[in-house]
C-alpha atoms as a PDB file:
ATOM      1  CA  MET A   1     117.332  87.374 104.219  1.00  0.00           C
ATOM      2  CA  LEU A   2     117.587  88.644 108.560  1.00  0.00           C
ATOM      3  CA  SER A   3     116.889  92.213 109.968  1.00  0.00           C
ATOM      4  CA  ARG A   4     117.209  93.128 113.306  1.00  0.00           C
ATOM      5  CA  THR A   5     113.061  95.220 113.538  1.00  0.00           C
ATOM      6  CA  LEU A   6     112.230  97.934 116.522  1.00  0.00           C
ATOM      7  CA  LEU A   7     108.742  98.165 117.262  1.00  0.00           C
ATOM      8  CA  ARG A   8     107.320 100.522 119.032  1.00  0.00           C
ATOM      9  CA  THR A   9     103.442 100.931 118.998  1.00  0.00           C
ATOM     10  CA  PRO A  10     101.582 102.704 121.787  1.00  0.00           C
ATOM     11  CA  SER A  11      98.144 101.017 123.222  1.00  0.00           C
ATOM     12  CA  ARG A  12      97.031 104.833 122.472  1.00  0.00           C
ATOM     13  CA  ALA A  13      97.958 104.411 118.915  1.00  0.00           C
ATOM     14  CA  LEU A  14      95.724 101.006 117.976  1.00  0.00           C
ATOM     15  CA  ASN A  15      93.068 102.609 119.617  1.00  0.00           C
ATOM     16  CA  ALA A  16      92.996 105.396 117.511  1.00  0.00           C
ATOM     17  CA  LEU A  17      93.312 103.065 114.597  1.00  0.00           C
ATOM     18  CA  SER A  18      90.881 101.228 115.633  1.00  0.00           C
ATOM     19  CA  ARG A  19      88.332 104.267 116.239  1.00  0.00           C
ATOM     20  CA  ALA A  20      89.117 105.299 112.699  1.00  0.00           C
ATOM     21  CA  ASN A  21      88.634 102.753 110.927  1.00  0.00           C
ATOM     22  CA  THR A  22      85.035 102.668 112.400  1.00  0.00           C
ATOM     23  CA  LEU A  23      84.928 105.843 111.097  1.00  0.00           C
ATOM     24  CA  SER A  24      84.940 105.555 108.034  1.00  0.00           C
ATOM     25  CA  THR A  25      82.966 102.681 107.685  1.00  0.00           C
ATOM     26  CA  ARG A  26      80.225 104.380 109.834  1.00  0.00           C
ATOM     27  CA  ASN A  27      80.441 107.691 106.752  1.00  0.00           C
ATOM     28  CA  GLN A  28      80.367 104.615 104.502  1.00  0.00           C
ATOM     29  CA  THR A  29      77.293 103.311 105.614  1.00  0.00           C
ATOM     30  CA  ARG A  30      75.397 106.978 105.409  1.00  0.00           C
ATOM     31  CA  LEU A  31      77.258 107.510 101.797  1.00  0.00           C
ATOM     32  CA  LEU A  32      75.235 104.031 100.887  1.00  0.00           C
ATOM     33  CA  SER A  33      72.162 104.878 102.661  1.00  0.00           C
ATOM     34  CA  THR A  34      68.790 104.564  99.911  1.00  0.00           C
ATOM     35  CA  SER A  35      66.487 107.062 102.685  1.00  0.00           C
ATOM     36  CA  SER A  36      66.858 110.205 100.252  1.00  0.00           C
ATOM     37  CA  ALA A  37      64.188 111.016  98.701  1.00  0.00           C
ATOM     38  CA  ARG A  38      63.312 110.334  95.418  1.00  0.00           C
ATOM     39  CA  HIS A  39      61.542 112.136  92.871  1.00  0.00           C
ATOM     40  CA  ALA A  40      58.936 111.645  90.693  1.00  0.00           C
ATOM     41  CA  ASP A  41      60.621 112.035  87.570  1.00  0.00           C
ATOM     42  CA  ASP A  42      62.912 109.826  88.328  1.00  0.00           C
ATOM     43  CA  LYS A  43      63.119 106.484  86.818  1.00  0.00           C
ATOM     44  CA  LEU A  44      65.107 103.187  87.044  1.00  0.00           C
ATOM     45  CA  ASN A  45      65.594 102.380  84.593  1.00  0.00           C
ATOM     46  CA  LYS A  46      67.635 104.997  82.532  1.00  0.00           C
ATOM     47  CA  VAL A  47      70.520 102.622  81.072  1.00  0.00           C
ATOM     48  CA  SER A  48      68.355  99.322  80.597  1.00  0.00           C
ATOM     49  CA  ALA A  49      65.671 101.592  78.439  1.00  0.00           C
ATOM     50  CA  ASN A  50      68.525 102.323  76.458  1.00  0.00           C
ATOM     51  CA  ILE A  51      68.111  99.315  74.665  1.00  0.00           C
ATOM     52  CA  THR A  52      64.367  97.646  76.194  1.00  0.00           C
ATOM     53  CA  GLN A  53      62.272 100.932  74.479  1.00  0.00           C
ATOM     54  CA  PRO A  54      63.749 102.198  71.326  1.00  0.00           C
ATOM     55  CA  LYS A  55      62.644 100.227  68.112  1.00  0.00           C
ATOM     56  CA  SER A  56      65.694 100.133  66.706  1.00  0.00           C
ATOM     57  CA  GLN A  57      66.560  98.012  68.984  1.00  0.00           C
ATOM     58  CA  GLY A  58      64.837  94.757  67.954  1.00  0.00           C
ATOM     59  CA  ALA A  59      67.711  92.980  68.044  1.00  0.00           C
ATOM     60  CA  SER A  60      68.635  93.938  72.136  1.00  0.00           C
ATOM     61  CA  GLN A  61      65.044  92.771  72.781  1.00  0.00           C
ATOM     62  CA  ALA A  62      64.631  89.923  70.802  1.00  0.00           C
ATOM     63  CA  MET A  63      67.451  88.489  73.231  1.00  0.00           C
ATOM     64  CA  LEU A  64      65.964  89.829  76.210  1.00  0.00           C
ATOM     65  CA  TYR A  65      62.989  88.347  75.460  1.00  0.00           C
ATOM     66  CA  ALA A  66      64.577  84.684  74.830  1.00  0.00           C
ATOM     67  CA  THR A  67      66.248  84.426  78.456  1.00  0.00           C
ATOM     68  CA  GLY A  68      62.132  85.301  79.446  1.00  0.00           C
ATOM     69  CA  LEU A  69      61.759  89.027  79.649  1.00  0.00           C
ATOM     70  CA  THR A  70      57.581  89.835  78.593  1.00  0.00           C
ATOM     71  CA  ASP A  71      56.316  92.789  77.572  1.00  0.00           C
ATOM     72  CA  ALA A  72      55.722  94.557  81.326  1.00  0.00           C
ATOM     73  CA  ASP A  73      59.710  93.740  82.695  1.00  0.00           C
ATOM     74  CA  LEU A  74      61.276  95.599  79.835  1.00  0.00           C
ATOM     75  CA  SER A  75      59.920  98.304  81.070  1.00  0.00           C
ATOM     76  CA  LYS A  76      61.951  97.742  84.740  1.00  0.00           C
ATOM     77  CA  ALA A  77      65.152  98.422  85.785  1.00  0.00           C
ATOM     78  CA  GLN A  78      67.816  95.752  85.458  1.00  0.00           C
ATOM     79  CA  VAL A  79      69.591  94.691  87.848  1.00  0.00           C
ATOM     80  CA  GLY A  80      73.490  92.572  87.762  1.00  0.00           C
ATOM     81  CA  ILE A  81      73.793  90.361  90.245  1.00  0.00           C
ATOM     82  CA  SER A  82      77.669  88.642  90.168  1.00  0.00           C
ATOM     83  CA  SER A  83      78.400  85.897  91.943  1.00  0.00           C
ATOM     84  CA  VAL A  84      82.091  84.968  92.508  1.00  0.00           C
ATOM     85  CA  TRP A  85      80.709  81.157  93.180  1.00  0.00           C
ATOM     86  CA  TYR A  86      82.414  78.225  92.165  1.00  0.00           C
ATOM     87  CA  GLU A  87      82.678  74.755  92.789  1.00  0.00           C
ATOM     88  CA  GLY A  88      86.390  74.577  93.013  1.00  0.00           C
ATOM     89  CA  ASN A  89      86.880  77.044  96.077  1.00  0.00           C
ATOM     90  CA  PRO A  90      85.129  76.361  99.845  1.00  0.00           C
ATOM     91  CA  CYS A  91      85.360  79.884  99.835  1.00  0.00           C
ATOM     92  CA  ASN A  92      82.814  80.880  97.224  1.00  0.00           C
ATOM     93  CA  MET A  93      80.772  77.876  96.656  1.00  0.00           C
ATOM     94  CA  HIS A  94      78.186  78.916  98.895  1.00  0.00           C
ATOM     95  CA  LEU A  95      78.118  82.242  96.730  1.00  0.00           C
ATOM     96  CA  MET A  96      75.740  80.978  94.551  1.00  0.00           C
ATOM     97  CA  ASP A  97      72.527  79.890  96.961  1.00  0.00           C
ATOM     98  CA  LEU A  98      73.435  83.671  98.420  1.00  0.00           C
ATOM     99  CA  SER A  99      73.088  85.224  95.282  1.00  0.00           C
ATOM    100  CA  GLY A 100      69.559  82.743  94.619  1.00  0.00           C
ATOM    101  CA  LEU A 101      68.291  85.451  97.485  1.00  0.00           C
ATOM    102  CA  VAL A 102      69.280  88.252  96.288  1.00  0.00           C
ATOM    103  CA  ARG A 103      67.899  87.390  93.281  1.00  0.00           C
ATOM    104  CA  GLU A 104      64.395  86.409  94.527  1.00  0.00           C
ATOM    105  CA  SER A 105      64.461  89.865  96.324  1.00  0.00           C
ATOM    106  CA  VAL A 106      64.976  91.802  93.149  1.00  0.00           C
ATOM    107  CA  ALA A 107      62.059  89.982  91.653  1.00  0.00           C
ATOM    108  CA  LYS A 108      60.200  90.716  95.047  1.00  0.00           C
ATOM    109  CA  ALA A 109      60.666  94.798  94.126  1.00  0.00           C
ATOM    110  CA  GLY A 110      59.865  94.961  90.412  1.00  0.00           C
ATOM    111  CA  LEU A 111      63.061  94.700  89.450  1.00  0.00           C
ATOM    112  CA  VAL A 112      64.743  92.187  86.476  1.00  0.00           C
ATOM    113  CA  PRO A 113      67.426  90.127  88.538  1.00  0.00           C
ATOM    114  CA  TYR A 114      70.008  89.276  86.268  1.00  0.00           C
ATOM    115  CA  ARG A 115      72.783  87.049  87.335  1.00  0.00           C
ATOM    116  CA  PHE A 116      77.064  86.666  86.496  1.00  0.00           C
ATOM    117  CA  ASN A 117      79.893  84.569  87.316  1.00  0.00           C
ATOM    118  CA  THR A 118      83.491  85.850  87.491  1.00  0.00           C
ATOM    119  CA  ILE A 119      86.984  83.776  86.872  1.00  0.00           C
ATOM    120  CA  GLY A 120      88.166  82.800  90.663  1.00  0.00           C
ATOM    121  CA  VAL A 121      91.248  81.168  91.487  1.00  0.00           C
ATOM    122  CA  SER A 122      91.694  80.508  94.994  1.00  0.00           C
ATOM    123  CA  ASP A 123      94.621  81.779  96.981  1.00  0.00           C
ATOM    124  CA  GLY A 124      95.004  78.684  99.144  1.00  0.00           C
ATOM    125  CA  ILE A 125      94.899  76.045  96.493  1.00  0.00           C
ATOM    126  CA  SER A 126      96.807  78.069  94.524  1.00  0.00           C
ATOM    127  CA  MET A 127      99.703  79.318  97.489  1.00  0.00           C
ATOM    128  CA  GLY A 128     102.852  78.798  96.255  1.00  0.00           C
ATOM    129  CA  THR A 129     102.701  78.200  93.115  1.00  0.00           C
ATOM    130  CA  THR A 130     102.880  80.515  89.713  1.00  0.00           C
ATOM    131  CA  GLY A 131      99.238  80.198  89.991  1.00  0.00           C
ATOM    132  CA  MET A 132      98.525  83.272  93.267  1.00  0.00           C
ATOM    133  CA  ARG A 133     100.168  85.267  90.219  1.00  0.00           C
ATOM    134  CA  TYR A 134      97.081  85.398  88.381  1.00  0.00           C
ATOM    135  CA  SER A 135      94.543  85.498  91.295  1.00  0.00           C
ATOM    136  CA  LEU A 136      93.751  89.081  91.441  1.00  0.00           C
ATOM    137  CA  GLN A 137      95.345  89.885  87.979  1.00  0.00           C
ATOM    138  CA  SER A 138      92.774  87.783  86.652  1.00  0.00           C
ATOM    139  CA  ARG A 139      89.990  90.451  87.980  1.00  0.00           C
ATOM    140  CA  GLU A 140      91.783  93.457  87.332  1.00  0.00           C
ATOM    141  CA  ILE A 141      88.392  95.375  88.745  1.00  0.00           C
ATOM    142  CA  ILE A 142      90.119  94.496  92.269  1.00  0.00           C
ATOM    143  CA  ALA A 143      92.849  98.002  92.759  1.00  0.00           C
ATOM    144  CA  ASP A 144      95.526  95.670  95.065  1.00  0.00           C
ATOM    145  CA  SER A 145      95.346  93.932  91.945  1.00  0.00           C
ATOM    146  CA  ILE A 146      98.940  93.831  89.817  1.00  0.00           C
ATOM    147  CA  GLU A 147     101.774  94.883  90.905  1.00  0.00           C
ATOM    148  CA  THR A 148     105.529  94.788  88.129  1.00  0.00           C
ATOM    149  CA  GLY A 149     107.828  92.996  90.162  1.00  0.00           C
ATOM    150  CA  GLY A 150     105.254  89.635  90.960  1.00  0.00           C
ATOM    151  CA  PRO A 151     103.927  90.397  89.036  1.00  0.00           C
ATOM    152  CA  GLY A 152     100.113  89.571  89.725  1.00  0.00           C
ATOM    153  CA  MET A 153     101.256  90.627  93.299  1.00  0.00           C
ATOM    154  CA  PRO A 154     100.564  87.299  94.803  1.00  0.00           C
ATOM    155  CA  GLU A 155      99.354  87.180  98.239  1.00  0.00           C
ATOM    156  CA  MET A 156     102.297  86.163 101.237  1.00  0.00           C
ATOM    157  CA  LEU A 157     100.323  82.937 103.193  1.00  0.00           C
ATOM    158  CA  LYS A 158     103.295  81.073 102.559  1.00  0.00           C
ATOM    159  CA  PRO A 159     105.939  82.710 104.431  1.00  0.00           C
ATOM    160  CA  SER A 160     103.575  84.391 107.147  1.00  0.00           C
ATOM    161  CA  SER A 161     102.589  80.797 107.542  1.00  0.00           C
ATOM    162  CA  ALA A 162     105.873  79.709 107.933  1.00  0.00           C
ATOM    163  CA  ILE A 163     106.828  82.253 110.574  1.00  0.00           C
ATOM    164  CA  MET A 164     103.490  81.822 112.612  1.00  0.00           C
ATOM    165  CA  GLY A 165     104.240  77.906 112.297  1.00  0.00           C
ATOM    166  CA  ALA A 166     107.602  78.441 113.895  1.00  0.00           C
ATOM    167  CA  GLY A 167     106.101  80.374 117.018  1.00  0.00           C
ATOM    168  CA  LEU A 168     107.457  83.964 115.795  1.00  0.00           C
ATOM    169  CA  GLY A 169     104.927  85.534 115.181  1.00  0.00           C
ATOM    170  CA  LYS A 170     105.423  87.311 118.339  1.00  0.00           C
ATOM    171  CA  ASP A 171     108.838  87.872 117.808  1.00  0.00           C
ATOM    172  CA  VAL A 172     109.221  88.529 113.741  1.00  0.00           C
ATOM    173  CA  ALA A 173     108.743  91.174 111.523  1.00  0.00           C
ATOM    174  CA  LEU A 174     107.150  90.775 108.062  1.00  0.00           C
ATOM    175  CA  LEU A 175     107.644  93.528 105.393  1.00  0.00           C
ATOM    176  CA  THR A 176     106.892  92.962 101.836  1.00  0.00           C
ATOM    177  CA  ASP A 177     106.012  94.241  98.575  1.00  0.00           C
ATOM    178  CA  GLY A 178     103.509  91.451  98.189  1.00  0.00           C
ATOM    179  CA  ARG A 179      99.995  92.015  99.369  1.00  0.00           C
ATOM    180  CA  PHE A 180      98.039  90.158 102.338  1.00  0.00           C
ATOM    181  CA  SER A 181      94.253  89.543 102.907  1.00  0.00           C
ATOM    182  CA  GLY A 182      91.861  88.417 106.007  1.00  0.00           C
ATOM    183  CA  GLY A 183      93.266  84.707 105.762  1.00  0.00           C
ATOM    184  CA  SER A 184      97.289  86.121 107.064  1.00  0.00           C
ATOM    185  CA  HIS A 185      97.330  87.099 111.136  1.00  0.00           C
ATOM    186  CA  GLY A 186     100.327  88.360 113.131  1.00  0.00           C
ATOM    187  CA  PHE A 187     103.396  91.198 112.498  1.00  0.00           C
ATOM    188  CA  ILE A 188     102.722  91.774 109.123  1.00  0.00           C
ATOM    189  CA  ILE A 189     103.628  95.390 106.136  1.00  0.00           C
ATOM    190  CA  GLY A 190     102.628  94.713 103.486  1.00  0.00           C
ATOM    191  CA  HIS A 191     101.921  96.715 100.276  1.00  0.00           C
ATOM    192  CA  ILE A 192     105.501  98.115 100.471  1.00  0.00           C
ATOM    193  CA  VAL A 193     106.809 100.870  97.647  1.00  0.00           C
ATOM    194  CA  PRO A 194     108.237 102.025  95.364  1.00  0.00           C
ATOM    195  CA  GLU A 195     108.819  97.508  95.370  1.00  0.00           C
ATOM    196  CA  ALA A 196     111.433  96.232  94.955  1.00  0.00           C
ATOM    197  CA  MET A 197     111.352  95.497  91.419  1.00  0.00           C
ATOM    198  CA  GLU A 198     111.834  99.225  90.698  1.00  0.00           C
ATOM    199  CA  GLY A 199     115.121  99.304  93.338  1.00  0.00           C
ATOM    200  CA  GLY A 200     112.987 101.185  96.658  1.00  0.00           C
ATOM    201  CA  PRO A 201     114.526 100.673  99.624  1.00  0.00           C
ATOM    202  CA  ILE A 202     113.665  97.471 100.569  1.00  0.00           C
ATOM    203  CA  ALA A 203     115.533  96.224  97.318  1.00  0.00           C
ATOM    204  CA  LEU A 204     119.004  97.488  99.244  1.00  0.00           C
ATOM    205  CA  VAL A 205     118.685  95.811 102.646  1.00  0.00           C
ATOM    206  CA  GLN A 206     121.118  93.451 103.594  1.00  0.00           C
ATOM    207  CA  ASP A 207     121.184  90.538 106.729  1.00  0.00           C
ATOM    208  CA  GLY A 208     121.964  92.372 109.816  1.00  0.00           C
ATOM    209  CA  ASP A 209     120.300  95.694 109.250  1.00  0.00           C
ATOM    210  CA  GLU A 210     117.852  97.523 111.564  1.00  0.00           C
ATOM    211  CA  ILE A 211     114.123  98.300 110.620  1.00  0.00           C
ATOM    212  CA  THR A 212     112.502 100.297 112.848  1.00  0.00           C
ATOM    213  CA  ILE A 213     108.624 100.103 112.608  1.00  0.00           C
ATOM    214  CA  ASP A 214     106.656 103.420 114.653  1.00  0.00           C
ATOM    215  CA  ALA A 215     102.893 102.572 114.069  1.00  0.00           C
ATOM    216  CA  GLU A 216     102.670 106.172 116.131  1.00  0.00           C
ATOM    217  CA  LYS A 217     104.851 108.087 113.489  1.00  0.00           C
ATOM    218  CA  ARG A 218     103.170 105.349 111.164  1.00  0.00           C
ATOM    219  CA  ILE A 219     107.348 105.364 109.624  1.00  0.00           C
ATOM    220  CA  ILE A 220     109.500 102.520 108.888  1.00  0.00           C
ATOM    221  CA  ASP A 221     113.037 103.653 108.266  1.00  0.00           C
ATOM    222  CA  LEU A 222     115.973 101.340 107.287  1.00  0.00           C
ATOM    223  CA  GLU A 223     118.655 102.272 110.181  1.00  0.00           C
ATOM    224  CA  ILE A 224     121.741 102.978 107.276  1.00  0.00           C
ATOM    225  CA  SER A 225     123.678 106.119 106.702  1.00  0.00           C
ATOM    226  CA  LYS A 226     122.137 108.333 103.369  1.00  0.00           C
ATOM    227  CA  GLU A 227     125.288 107.408 102.613  1.00  0.00           C
ATOM    228  CA  GLU A 228     125.751 103.910 102.566  1.00  0.00           C
ATOM    229  CA  MET A 229     121.863 103.867 101.196  1.00  0.00           C
ATOM    230  CA  GLU A 230     122.970 105.862  97.926  1.00  0.00           C
ATOM    231  CA  LYS A 231     126.372 103.101  98.059  1.00  0.00           C
ATOM    232  CA  ARG A 232     123.625 100.459  97.547  1.00  0.00           C
ATOM    233  CA  ARG A 233     121.795 101.913  94.782  1.00  0.00           C
ATOM    234  CA  LYS A 234     124.278 102.023  92.578  1.00  0.00           C
ATOM    235  CA  ALA A 235     125.491  98.778  92.943  1.00  0.00           C
ATOM    236  CA  TRP A 236     122.172  97.904  92.872  1.00  0.00           C
ATOM    237  CA  LYS A 237     120.795  96.405  89.575  1.00  0.00           C
ATOM    238  CA  ALA A 238     116.944  95.153  88.595  1.00  0.00           C
ATOM    239  CA  PRO A 239     116.560  91.636  88.140  1.00  0.00           C
ATOM    240  CA  GLU A 240     115.746  89.930  85.002  1.00  0.00           C
ATOM    241  CA  PRO A 241     111.509  89.777  84.505  1.00  0.00           C
ATOM    242  CA  ARG A 242     110.070  86.732  85.839  1.00  0.00           C
ATOM    243  CA  TYR A 243     107.642  86.376  82.742  1.00  0.00           C
ATOM    244  CA  THR A 244     108.985  87.772  78.900  1.00  0.00           C
ATOM    245  CA  LYS A 245     104.696  87.909  77.110  1.00  0.00           C
ATOM    246  CA  GLY A 246     101.420  86.958  78.215  1.00  0.00           C
ATOM    247  CA  THR A 247      99.663  88.592  80.121  1.00  0.00           C
ATOM    248  CA  LEU A 248     101.791  88.936  83.342  1.00  0.00           C
ATOM    249  CA  ALA A 249     104.410  90.150  80.983  1.00  0.00           C
ATOM    250  CA  LYS A 250     101.827  92.992  79.468  1.00  0.00           C
ATOM    251  CA  TYR A 251     101.106  94.087  83.423  1.00  0.00           C
ATOM    252  CA  ALA A 252     104.529  94.412  84.883  1.00  0.00           C
ATOM    253  CA  LYS A 253     104.945  96.760  81.600  1.00  0.00           C
ATOM    254  CA  LEU A 254     101.912  99.152  82.660  1.00  0.00           C
ATOM    255  CA  VAL A 255     101.025  99.215  85.780  1.00  0.00           C
ATOM    256  CA  SER A 256     101.390 101.759  88.719  1.00  0.00           C
ATOM    257  CA  ASN A 257     102.393 100.973  92.385  1.00  0.00           C
ATOM    258  CA  ALA A 258     100.486  99.428  95.049  1.00  0.00           C
ATOM    259  CA  SER A 259      99.944 102.936  96.628  1.00  0.00           C
ATOM    260  CA  THR A 260      98.647 104.255  93.828  1.00  0.00           C
ATOM    261  CA  GLY A 261      96.160 101.643  93.287  1.00  0.00           C
ATOM    262  CA  CYS A 262      97.769  99.349  90.498  1.00  0.00           C
ATOM    263  CA  VAL A 263      95.626 101.064  87.246  1.00  0.00           C
ATOM    264  CA  THR A 264      97.099  99.818  84.379  1.00  0.00           C
ATOM    265  CA  ASP A 265      95.721 103.340  81.657  1.00  0.00           C
ATOM    266  CA  GLY A 266      98.450 105.662  83.440  1.00  0.00           C
ATOM    267  CA  ALA A 267     101.566 104.636  81.118  1.00  0.00           C
ATOM    268  CA  ILE A 268      98.321 104.221  77.914  1.00  0.00           C
ATOM    269  CA  ALA A 269      97.825 108.081  78.290  1.00  0.00           C
END
């Protein structure tokens, strides 16, 4: 699809966005600070005590003894250490060693560390294949993991790489209802909602249309009349779903859009 794009991006707007991001990060750091005073009656093992202390949980305690815990350890708080390590991805393969250092530090603090792994899919290796659709869908806890149309919100590494590889990074904008990560750069805008599969404006763009992107006003406008927009909307037909069975089909039926977190619980309630 070929469209002309007008960009209005004053430097003060970019500076403002940069300052806002810095402030947000600092505020989050304060919220996560552990320097606040603790009460004498606070217990770190409030959760783990539900299985380590009651005599009725003997089976639970037997399993914990089998992992190497002692009687003294059962009175300590347990800390889960999530490691997304696996050997098939150069981005992740070093994380087992890093989690080992975290484990040692947790143990030195008088706590019980337990490492656990997660499913891993490489965006880079699976780029351009159906495997990309399972990258985030396999880890539902990530907020922007799924959307209806893909589904699975495939990362747009391939088209952005094509634009940059052709030397058009400064001249061509990429707007998509897919997602991006740190591996992407250039004039790119993702997570467009409503997405094309739901008949959002992005589905109605045609070759030769003019699109205005104004970073200062925070708007993206398709420069056609309301009458033309309505005409296209009436003529639009939803594409057939890419998947009709399996987890991707289920997610496509349940998931909300990217602006509301791509959660799957809303449709069930």
